[in-house]
PDB file of all heavy atoms in Angstrom:
ATOM      1  N   PRO A   1      24.852  -8.191 -70.459  1.00  0.00           N
ATOM      2  CA  PRO A   1      26.311  -8.217 -70.555  1.00  0.00           C
ATOM      3  C   PRO A   1      26.779  -8.540 -71.983  1.00  0.00           C
ATOM      4  O   PRO A   1      26.171  -9.358 -72.677  1.00  0.00           O
ATOM      5  CB  PRO A   1      26.718  -9.339 -69.601  1.00  0.00           C
ATOM      6  CG  PRO A   1      25.580  -9.469 -68.656  1.00  0.00           C
ATOM      7  CD  PRO A   1      24.361  -9.134 -69.448  1.00  0.00           C
ATOM      8  N   VAL A   2      27.855  -7.875 -72.381  1.00  0.00           N
ATOM      9  CA  VAL A   2      28.479  -8.122 -73.678  1.00  0.00           C
ATOM     10  C   VAL A   2      29.850  -8.727 -73.414  1.00  0.00           C
ATOM     11  O   VAL A   2      30.693  -8.120 -72.755  1.00  0.00           O
ATOM     12  CB  VAL A   2      28.625  -6.811 -74.484  1.00  0.00           C
ATOM     13  CG1 VAL A   2      29.369  -7.065 -75.780  1.00  0.00           C
ATOM     14  CG2 VAL A   2      27.257  -6.190 -74.735  1.00  0.00           C
ATOM     15  N   LYS A   3      30.061  -9.946 -73.920  1.00  0.00           N
ATOM     16  CA  LYS A   3      31.306 -10.670 -73.680  1.00  0.00           C
ATOM     17  C   LYS A   3      32.210 -10.555 -74.905  1.00  0.00           C
ATOM     18  O   LYS A   3      31.779 -10.785 -76.032  1.00  0.00           O
ATOM     19  CB  LYS A   3      31.002 -12.134 -73.397  1.00  0.00           C
ATOM     20  CG  LYS A   3      32.192 -12.970 -73.042  1.00  0.00           C
ATOM     21  CD  LYS A   3      31.748 -14.391 -72.689  1.00  0.00           C
ATOM     22  CE  LYS A   3      32.924 -15.271 -72.362  1.00  0.00           C
ATOM     23  NZ  LYS A   3      32.495 -16.628 -71.993  1.00  0.00           N
ATOM     24  N   LYS A   4      33.469 -10.196 -74.661  1.00  0.00           N
ATOM     25  CA  LYS A   4      34.459 -10.104 -75.725  1.00  0.00           C
ATOM     26  C   LYS A   4      35.716 -10.844 -75.289  1.00  0.00           C
ATOM     27  O   LYS A   4      36.008 -10.952 -74.102  1.00  0.00           O
ATOM     28  CB  LYS A   4      34.816  -8.640 -76.007  1.00  0.00           C
ATOM     29  CG  LYS A   4      33.654  -7.823 -76.528  1.00  0.00           C
ATOM     30  CD  LYS A   4      34.067  -6.385 -76.760  1.00  0.00           C
ATOM     31  CE  LYS A   4      32.867  -5.569 -77.201  1.00  0.00           C
ATOM     32  NZ  LYS A   4      33.184  -4.163 -77.341  1.00  0.00           N
ATOM     33  N   THR A   5      36.441 -11.339 -76.261  1.00  0.00           N
ATOM     34  CA  THR A   5      37.715 -11.983 -75.989  1.00  0.00           C
ATOM     35  C   THR A   5      38.815 -11.163 -76.640  1.00  0.00           C
ATOM     36  O   THR A   5      38.746 -10.863 -77.836  1.00  0.00           O
ATOM     37  CB  THR A   5      37.739 -13.421 -76.535  1.00  0.00           C
ATOM     38  OG1 THR A   5      36.640 -14.137 -75.961  1.00  0.00           O
ATOM     39  CG2 THR A   5      39.029 -14.115 -76.183  1.00  0.00           C
ATOM     40  N   LEU A   6      39.809 -10.782 -75.859  1.00  0.00           N
ATOM     41  CA  LEU A   6      40.925  -9.993 -76.376  1.00  0.00           C
ATOM     42  C   LEU A   6      41.878 -10.878 -77.164  1.00  0.00           C
ATOM     43  O   LEU A   6      41.784 -12.112 -77.132  1.00  0.00           O
ATOM     44  CB  LEU A   6      41.653  -9.316 -75.216  1.00  0.00           C
ATOM     45  CG  LEU A   6      40.801  -8.362 -74.365  1.00  0.00           C
ATOM     46  CD1 LEU A   6      41.632  -7.799 -73.228  1.00  0.00           C
ATOM     47  CD2 LEU A   6      40.230  -7.236 -75.203  1.00  0.00           C
ATOM     48  N   GLU A   7      42.806 -10.250 -77.864  1.00  0.00           N
ATOM     49  CA  GLU A   7      43.761 -10.981 -78.710  1.00  0.00           C
ATOM     50  C   GLU A   7      44.586 -11.990 -77.924  1.00  0.00           C
ATOM     51  O   GLU A   7      44.957 -13.034 -78.443  1.00  0.00           O
ATOM     52  CB  GLU A   7      44.685  -9.988 -79.405  1.00  0.00           C
ATOM     53  CG  GLU A   7      43.951  -9.065 -80.349  1.00  0.00           C
ATOM     54  CD  GLU A   7      44.789  -7.868 -80.753  1.00  0.00           C
ATOM     55  OE1 GLU A   7      45.906  -7.695 -80.215  1.00  0.00           O
ATOM     56  OE2 GLU A   7      44.314  -7.101 -81.595  1.00  0.00           O
ATOM     57  N   ASN A   8      44.857 -11.681 -76.640  1.00  0.00           N
ATOM     58  CA  ASN A   8      45.668 -12.593 -75.830  1.00  0.00           C
ATOM     59  C   ASN A   8      44.838 -13.690 -75.166  1.00  0.00           C
ATOM     60  O   ASN A   8      45.340 -14.452 -74.348  1.00  0.00           O
ATOM     61  CB  ASN A   8      46.436 -11.805 -74.762  1.00  0.00           C
ATOM     62  CG  ASN A   8      45.520 -11.097 -73.776  1.00  0.00           C
ATOM     63  OD1 ASN A   8      44.303 -11.202 -73.846  1.00  0.00           O
ATOM     64  ND2 ASN A   8      46.123 -10.362 -72.856  1.00  0.00           N
ATOM     65  N   GLY A   9      43.522 -13.760 -75.478  1.00  0.00           N
ATOM     66  CA  GLY A   9      42.659 -14.797 -74.932  1.00  0.00           C
ATOM     67  C   GLY A   9      41.925 -14.400 -73.669  1.00  0.00           C
ATOM     68  O   GLY A   9      41.107 -15.163 -73.153  1.00  0.00           O
ATOM     69  N   GLN A  10      42.213 -13.214 -73.150  1.00  0.00           N
ATOM     70  CA  GLN A  10      41.571 -12.722 -71.928  1.00  0.00           C
ATOM     71  C   GLN A  10      40.105 -12.361 -72.200  1.00  0.00           C
ATOM     72  O   GLN A  10      39.786 -11.740 -73.199  1.00  0.00           O
ATOM     73  CB  GLN A  10      42.324 -11.487 -71.420  1.00  0.00           C
ATOM     74  CG  GLN A  10      41.825 -10.943 -70.124  1.00  0.00           C
ATOM     75  CD  GLN A  10      42.379 -11.682 -68.929  1.00  0.00           C
ATOM     76  OE1 GLN A  10      42.768 -12.834 -69.001  1.00  0.00           O
ATOM     77  NE2 GLN A  10      42.413 -11.017 -67.810  1.00  0.00           N
ATOM     78  N   THR A  11      39.210 -12.741 -71.297  1.00  0.00           N
ATOM     79  CA  THR A  11      37.790 -12.434 -71.421  1.00  0.00           C
ATOM     80  C   THR A  11      37.489 -11.116 -70.729  1.00  0.00           C
ATOM     81  O   THR A  11      37.987 -10.842 -69.641  1.00  0.00           O
ATOM     82  CB  THR A  11      36.939 -13.541 -70.771  1.00  0.00           C
ATOM     83  OG1 THR A  11      37.243 -14.783 -71.403  1.00  0.00           O
ATOM     84  CG2 THR A  11      35.459 -13.253 -70.911  1.00  0.00           C
ATOM     85  N   ILE A  12      36.646 -10.297 -71.367  1.00  0.00           N
ATOM     86  CA  ILE A  12      36.197  -9.039 -70.785  1.00  0.00           C
ATOM     87  C   ILE A  12      34.695  -8.929 -71.017  1.00  0.00           C
ATOM     88  O   ILE A  12      34.203  -9.215 -72.105  1.00  0.00           O
ATOM     89  CB  ILE A  12      36.965  -7.832 -71.381  1.00  0.00           C
ATOM     90  CG1 ILE A  12      36.519  -6.535 -70.730  1.00  0.00           C
ATOM     91  CG2 ILE A  12      36.815  -7.760 -72.872  1.00  0.00           C
ATOM     92  CD1 ILE A  12      37.365  -5.340 -71.114  1.00  0.00           C
ATOM     93  N   VAL A  13      33.964  -8.585 -69.964  1.00  0.00           N
ATOM     94  CA  VAL A  13      32.508  -8.461 -70.045  1.00  0.00           C
ATOM     95  C   VAL A  13      32.117  -7.073 -69.558  1.00  0.00           C
ATOM     96  O   VAL A  13      32.589  -6.622 -68.502  1.00  0.00           O
ATOM     97  CB  VAL A  13      31.813  -9.547 -69.194  1.00  0.00           C
ATOM     98  CG1 VAL A  13      30.315  -9.339 -69.158  1.00  0.00           C
ATOM     99  CG2 VAL A  13      32.148 -10.920 -69.728  1.00  0.00           C
ATOM    100  N   THR A  14      31.264  -6.401 -70.311  1.00  0.00           N
ATOM    101  CA  THR A  14      30.781  -5.078 -69.927  1.00  0.00           C
ATOM    102  C   THR A  14      29.260  -5.103 -69.815  1.00  0.00           C
ATOM    103  O   THR A  14      28.588  -5.792 -70.579  1.00  0.00           O
ATOM    104  CB  THR A  14      31.202  -4.000 -70.940  1.00  0.00           C
ATOM    105  OG1 THR A  14      30.666  -4.334 -72.215  1.00  0.00           O
ATOM    106  CG2 THR A  14      32.710  -3.896 -71.050  1.00  0.00           C
ATOM    107  N   PHE A  15      28.748  -4.365 -68.851  1.00  0.00           N
ATOM    108  CA  PHE A  15      27.302  -4.225 -68.677  1.00  0.00           C
ATOM    109  C   PHE A  15      27.032  -2.968 -67.868  1.00  0.00           C
ATOM    110  O   PHE A  15      27.944  -2.367 -67.298  1.00  0.00           O
ATOM    111  CB  PHE A  15      26.686  -5.467 -68.001  1.00  0.00           C
ATOM    112  CG  PHE A  15      27.226  -5.788 -66.642  1.00  0.00           C
ATOM    113  CD1 PHE A  15      26.568  -5.370 -65.502  1.00  0.00           C
ATOM    114  CD2 PHE A  15      28.390  -6.534 -66.506  1.00  0.00           C
ATOM    115  CE1 PHE A  15      27.059  -5.679 -64.251  1.00  0.00           C
ATOM    116  CE2 PHE A  15      28.891  -6.854 -65.258  1.00  0.00           C
ATOM    117  CZ  PHE A  15      28.229  -6.423 -64.122  1.00  0.00           C
ATOM    118  N   GLY A  16      25.795  -2.551 -67.831  1.00  0.00           N
ATOM    119  CA  GLY A  16      25.416  -1.356 -67.095  1.00  0.00           C
ATOM    120  C   GLY A  16      24.568  -1.699 -65.887  1.00  0.00           C
ATOM    121  O   GLY A  16      23.861  -2.701 -65.860  1.00  0.00           O
ATOM    122  N   VAL A  17      24.649  -0.837 -64.875  1.00  0.00           N
ATOM    123  CA  VAL A  17      23.839  -0.979 -63.671  1.00  0.00           C
ATOM    124  C   VAL A  17      23.178   0.367 -63.380  1.00  0.00           C
ATOM    125  O   VAL A  17      23.827   1.411 -63.428  1.00  0.00           O
ATOM    126  CB  VAL A  17      24.698  -1.416 -62.459  1.00  0.00           C
ATOM    127  CG1 VAL A  17      23.864  -1.452 -61.189  1.00  0.00           C
ATOM    128  CG2 VAL A  17      25.336  -2.754 -62.712  1.00  0.00           C
ATOM    129  N   ALA A  18      21.880   0.326 -63.092  1.00  0.00           N
ATOM    130  CA  ALA A  18      21.130   1.526 -62.731  1.00  0.00           C
ATOM    131  C   ALA A  18      20.818   1.499 -61.245  1.00  0.00           C
ATOM    132  O   ALA A  18      20.329   0.490 -60.728  1.00  0.00           O
ATOM    133  CB  ALA A  18      19.839   1.602 -63.527  1.00  0.00           C
ATOM    134  N   THR A  19      21.131   2.592 -60.548  1.00  0.00           N
ATOM    135  CA  THR A  19      20.769   2.724 -59.141  1.00  0.00           C
ATOM    136  C   THR A  19      19.707   3.806 -59.029  1.00  0.00           C
ATOM    137  O   THR A  19      19.771   4.831 -59.704  1.00  0.00           O
ATOM    138  CB  THR A  19      21.990   3.094 -58.276  1.00  0.00           C
ATOM    139  OG1 THR A  19      22.614   4.264 -58.803  1.00  0.00           O
ATOM    140  CG2 THR A  19      22.995   1.968 -58.260  1.00  0.00           C
ATOM    141  N   ASN A  20      18.718   3.564 -58.191  1.00  0.00           N
ATOM    142  CA  ASN A  20      17.605   4.492 -58.017  1.00  0.00           C
ATOM    143  C   ASN A  20      17.601   5.033 -56.598  1.00  0.00           C
ATOM    144  O   ASN A  20      17.990   4.344 -55.659  1.00  0.00           O
ATOM    145  CB  ASN A  20      16.274   3.790 -58.298  1.00  0.00           C
ATOM    146  CG  ASN A  20      16.237   3.243 -59.705  1.00  0.00           C
ATOM    147  OD1 ASN A  20      16.570   3.932 -60.650  1.00  0.00           O
ATOM    148  ND2 ASN A  20      15.850   1.989 -59.840  1.00  0.00           N
ATOM    149  N   ARG A  21      17.117   6.256 -56.472  1.00  0.00           N
ATOM    150  CA  ARG A  21      17.058   6.910 -55.172  1.00  0.00           C
ATOM    151  C   ARG A  21      15.733   7.642 -55.081  1.00  0.00           C
ATOM    152  O   ARG A  21      15.298   8.267 -56.049  1.00  0.00           O
ATOM    153  CB  ARG A  21      18.243   7.856 -55.073  1.00  0.00           C
ATOM    154  CG  ARG A  21      18.270   8.810 -53.970  1.00  0.00           C
ATOM    155  CD  ARG A  21      19.620   9.528 -53.984  1.00  0.00           C
ATOM    156  NE  ARG A  21      19.535  10.816 -54.627  1.00  0.00           N
ATOM    157  CZ  ARG A  21      19.664  11.971 -53.982  1.00  0.00           C
ATOM    158  NH1 ARG A  21      19.893  11.980 -52.698  1.00  0.00           N
ATOM    159  NH2 ARG A  21      19.574  13.106 -54.619  1.00  0.00           N
ATOM    160  N   GLU A  22      15.070   7.544 -53.950  1.00  0.00           N
ATOM    161  CA  GLU A  22      13.805   8.238 -53.715  1.00  0.00           C
ATOM    162  C   GLU A  22      13.899   9.031 -52.426  1.00  0.00           C
ATOM    163  O   GLU A  22      14.511   8.579 -51.459  1.00  0.00           O
ATOM    164  CB  GLU A  22      12.647   7.240 -53.609  1.00  0.00           C
ATOM    165  CG  GLU A  22      12.361   6.498 -54.883  1.00  0.00           C
ATOM    166  CD  GLU A  22      11.182   5.543 -54.745  1.00  0.00           C
ATOM    167  OE1 GLU A  22      10.653   5.385 -53.619  1.00  0.00           O
ATOM    168  OE2 GLU A  22      10.796   4.962 -55.760  1.00  0.00           O
ATOM    169  N   TRP A  23      13.285  10.202 -52.397  1.00  0.00           N
ATOM    170  CA  TRP A  23      13.255  11.015 -51.202  1.00  0.00           C
ATOM    171  C   TRP A  23      12.030  11.924 -51.223  1.00  0.00           C
ATOM    172  O   TRP A  23      11.407  12.120 -52.250  1.00  0.00           O
ATOM    173  CB  TRP A  23      14.540  11.814 -51.053  1.00  0.00           C
ATOM    174  CG  TRP A  23      14.710  12.929 -52.038  1.00  0.00           C
ATOM    175  CD1 TRP A  23      14.415  14.245 -51.831  1.00  0.00           C
ATOM    176  CD2 TRP A  23      15.213  12.852 -53.371  1.00  0.00           C
ATOM    177  NE1 TRP A  23      14.707  14.979 -52.958  1.00  0.00           N
ATOM    178  CE2 TRP A  23      15.203  14.147 -53.923  1.00  0.00           C
ATOM    179  CE3 TRP A  23      15.674  11.810 -54.166  1.00  0.00           C
ATOM    180  CZ2 TRP A  23      15.619  14.414 -55.213  1.00  0.00           C
ATOM    181  CZ3 TRP A  23      16.096  12.094 -55.464  1.00  0.00           C
ATOM    182  CH2 TRP A  23      16.069  13.375 -55.959  1.00  0.00           C
ATOM    183  N   ILE A  24      11.706  12.437 -50.052  1.00  0.00           N
ATOM    184  CA  ILE A  24      10.575  13.352 -49.884  1.00  0.00           C
ATOM    185  C   ILE A  24      11.151  14.749 -49.619  1.00  0.00           C
ATOM    186  O   ILE A  24      12.003  14.912 -48.745  1.00  0.00           O
ATOM    187  CB  ILE A  24       9.679  12.932 -48.700  1.00  0.00           C
ATOM    188  CG1 ILE A  24       9.206  11.491 -48.838  1.00  0.00           C
ATOM    189  CG2 ILE A  24       8.517  13.899 -48.529  1.00  0.00           C
ATOM    190  CD1 ILE A  24       8.155  11.281 -49.879  1.00  0.00           C
ATOM    191  N   THR A  25      10.670  15.741 -50.363  1.00  0.00           N
ATOM    192  CA  THR A  25      11.135  17.109 -50.165  1.00  0.00           C
ATOM    193  C   THR A  25      10.442  17.722 -48.956  1.00  0.00           C
ATOM    194  O   THR A  25       9.513  17.147 -48.391  1.00  0.00           O
ATOM    195  CB  THR A  25      10.852  17.962 -51.417  1.00  0.00           C
ATOM    196  OG1 THR A  25       9.441  18.021 -51.614  1.00  0.00           O
ATOM    197  CG2 THR A  25      11.532  17.381 -52.644  1.00  0.00           C
ATOM    198  N   SER A  26      10.884  18.896 -48.581  1.00  0.00           N
ATOM    199  CA  SER A  26      10.304  19.573 -47.412  1.00  0.00           C
ATOM    200  C   SER A  26       8.833  19.933 -47.618  1.00  0.00           C
ATOM    201  O   SER A  26       8.094  20.086 -46.646  1.00  0.00           O
ATOM    202  CB  SER A  26      11.106  20.832 -47.085  1.00  0.00           C
ATOM    203  OG  SER A  26      11.098  21.706 -48.195  1.00  0.00           O
ATOM    204  N   ASP A  27       8.396  20.053 -48.880  1.00  0.00           N
ATOM    205  CA  ASP A  27       6.982  20.329 -49.143  1.00  0.00           C
ATOM    206  C   ASP A  27       6.210  19.046 -49.501  1.00  0.00           C
ATOM    207  O   ASP A  27       5.188  19.087 -50.170  1.00  0.00           O
ATOM    208  CB  ASP A  27       6.821  21.398 -50.219  1.00  0.00           C
ATOM    209  CG  ASP A  27       7.517  21.033 -51.514  1.00  0.00           C
ATOM    210  OD1 ASP A  27       8.271  20.048 -51.532  1.00  0.00           O
ATOM    211  OD2 ASP A  27       7.296  21.729 -52.523  1.00  0.00           O
ATOM    212  N   ASN A  28       6.721  17.893 -49.042  1.00  0.00           N
ATOM    213  CA  ASN A  28       6.080  16.576 -49.162  1.00  0.00           C
ATOM    214  C   ASN A  28       5.883  16.086 -50.598  1.00  0.00           C
ATOM    215  O   ASN A  28       4.952  15.339 -50.871  1.00  0.00           O
ATOM    216  CB  ASN A  28       4.748  16.540 -48.415  1.00  0.00           C
ATOM    217  CG  ASN A  28       4.951  16.515 -46.928  1.00  0.00           C
ATOM    218  OD1 ASN A  28       5.953  15.999 -46.453  1.00  0.00           O
ATOM    219  ND2 ASN A  28       4.025  17.090 -46.195  1.00  0.00           N
ATOM    220  N   ARG A  29       6.768  16.464 -51.499  1.00  0.00           N
ATOM    221  CA  ARG A  29       6.735  15.912 -52.850  1.00  0.00           C
ATOM    222  C   ARG A  29       7.708  14.737 -52.904  1.00  0.00           C
ATOM    223  O   ARG A  29       8.812  14.801 -52.377  1.00  0.00           O
ATOM    224  CB  ARG A  29       7.148  16.955 -53.892  1.00  0.00           C
ATOM    225  CG  ARG A  29       6.099  18.027 -54.096  1.00  0.00           C
ATOM    226  CD  ARG A  29       6.477  18.960 -55.228  1.00  0.00           C
ATOM    227  NE  ARG A  29       7.794  19.551 -54.933  1.00  0.00           N
ATOM    228  CZ  ARG A  29       8.699  19.867 -55.861  1.00  0.00           C
ATOM    229  NH1 ARG A  29       8.454  19.656 -57.129  1.00  0.00           N
ATOM    230  NH2 ARG A  29       9.847  20.406 -55.526  1.00  0.00           N
ATOM    231  N   LYS A  30       7.282  13.666 -53.547  1.00  0.00           N
ATOM    232  CA  LYS A  30       8.138  12.490 -53.698  1.00  0.00           C
ATOM    233  C   LYS A  30       9.001  12.667 -54.949  1.00  0.00           C
ATOM    234  O   LYS A  30       8.488  12.883 -56.046  1.00  0.00           O
ATOM    235  CB  LYS A  30       7.286  11.221 -53.825  1.00  0.00           C
ATOM    236  CG  LYS A  30       8.084   9.955 -53.820  1.00  0.00           C
ATOM    237  CD  LYS A  30       7.172   8.746 -53.821  1.00  0.00           C
ATOM    238  CE  LYS A  30       7.974   7.481 -53.764  1.00  0.00           C
ATOM    239  NZ  LYS A  30       7.107   6.296 -53.753  1.00  0.00           N
ATOM    240  N   MET A  31      10.310  12.592 -54.787  1.00  0.00           N
ATOM    241  CA  MET A  31      11.258  12.777 -55.885  1.00  0.00           C
ATOM    242  C   MET A  31      12.010  11.467 -56.128  1.00  0.00           C
ATOM    243  O   MET A  31      12.240  10.702 -55.200  1.00  0.00           O
ATOM    244  CB  MET A  31      12.262  13.881 -55.549  1.00  0.00           C
ATOM    245  CG  MET A  31      11.626  15.209 -55.196  1.00  0.00           C
ATOM    246  SD  MET A  31      10.803  15.978 -56.583  1.00  0.00           S
ATOM    247  CE  MET A  31      12.186  16.436 -57.575  1.00  0.00           C
ATOM    248  N   THR A  32      12.382  11.228 -57.369  1.00  0.00           N
ATOM    249  CA  THR A  32      13.189  10.058 -57.717  1.00  0.00           C
ATOM    250  C   THR A  32      14.334  10.487 -58.625  1.00  0.00           C
ATOM    251  O   THR A  32      14.224  11.462 -59.362  1.00  0.00           O
ATOM    252  CB  THR A  32      12.361   8.976 -58.435  1.00  0.00           C
ATOM    253  OG1 THR A  32      11.842   9.538 -59.632  1.00  0.00           O
ATOM    254  CG2 THR A  32      11.234   8.468 -57.571  1.00  0.00           C
ATOM    255  N   SER A  33      15.408   9.730 -58.542  1.00  0.00           N
ATOM    256  CA  SER A  33      16.581  10.007 -59.365  1.00  0.00           C
ATOM    257  C   SER A  33      17.257   8.675 -59.705  1.00  0.00           C
ATOM    258  O   SER A  33      17.285   7.765 -58.876  1.00  0.00           O
ATOM    259  CB  SER A  33      17.547  10.900 -58.594  1.00  0.00           C
ATOM    260  OG  SER A  33      18.739  11.077 -59.302  1.00  0.00           O
TER     261      SER A  33
END
C-alpha cells in the first residue's frame, strides 16, 4: 500500500489485488488466469 495525504488532510491509500482462477478444459488441460 502507498499512503498519501491530500491538501485538506484526508488520507488516501492505494494498493493492488491479484485474483487467480483455475479450471480444467474439456481435453483435461489445467488452465490458470
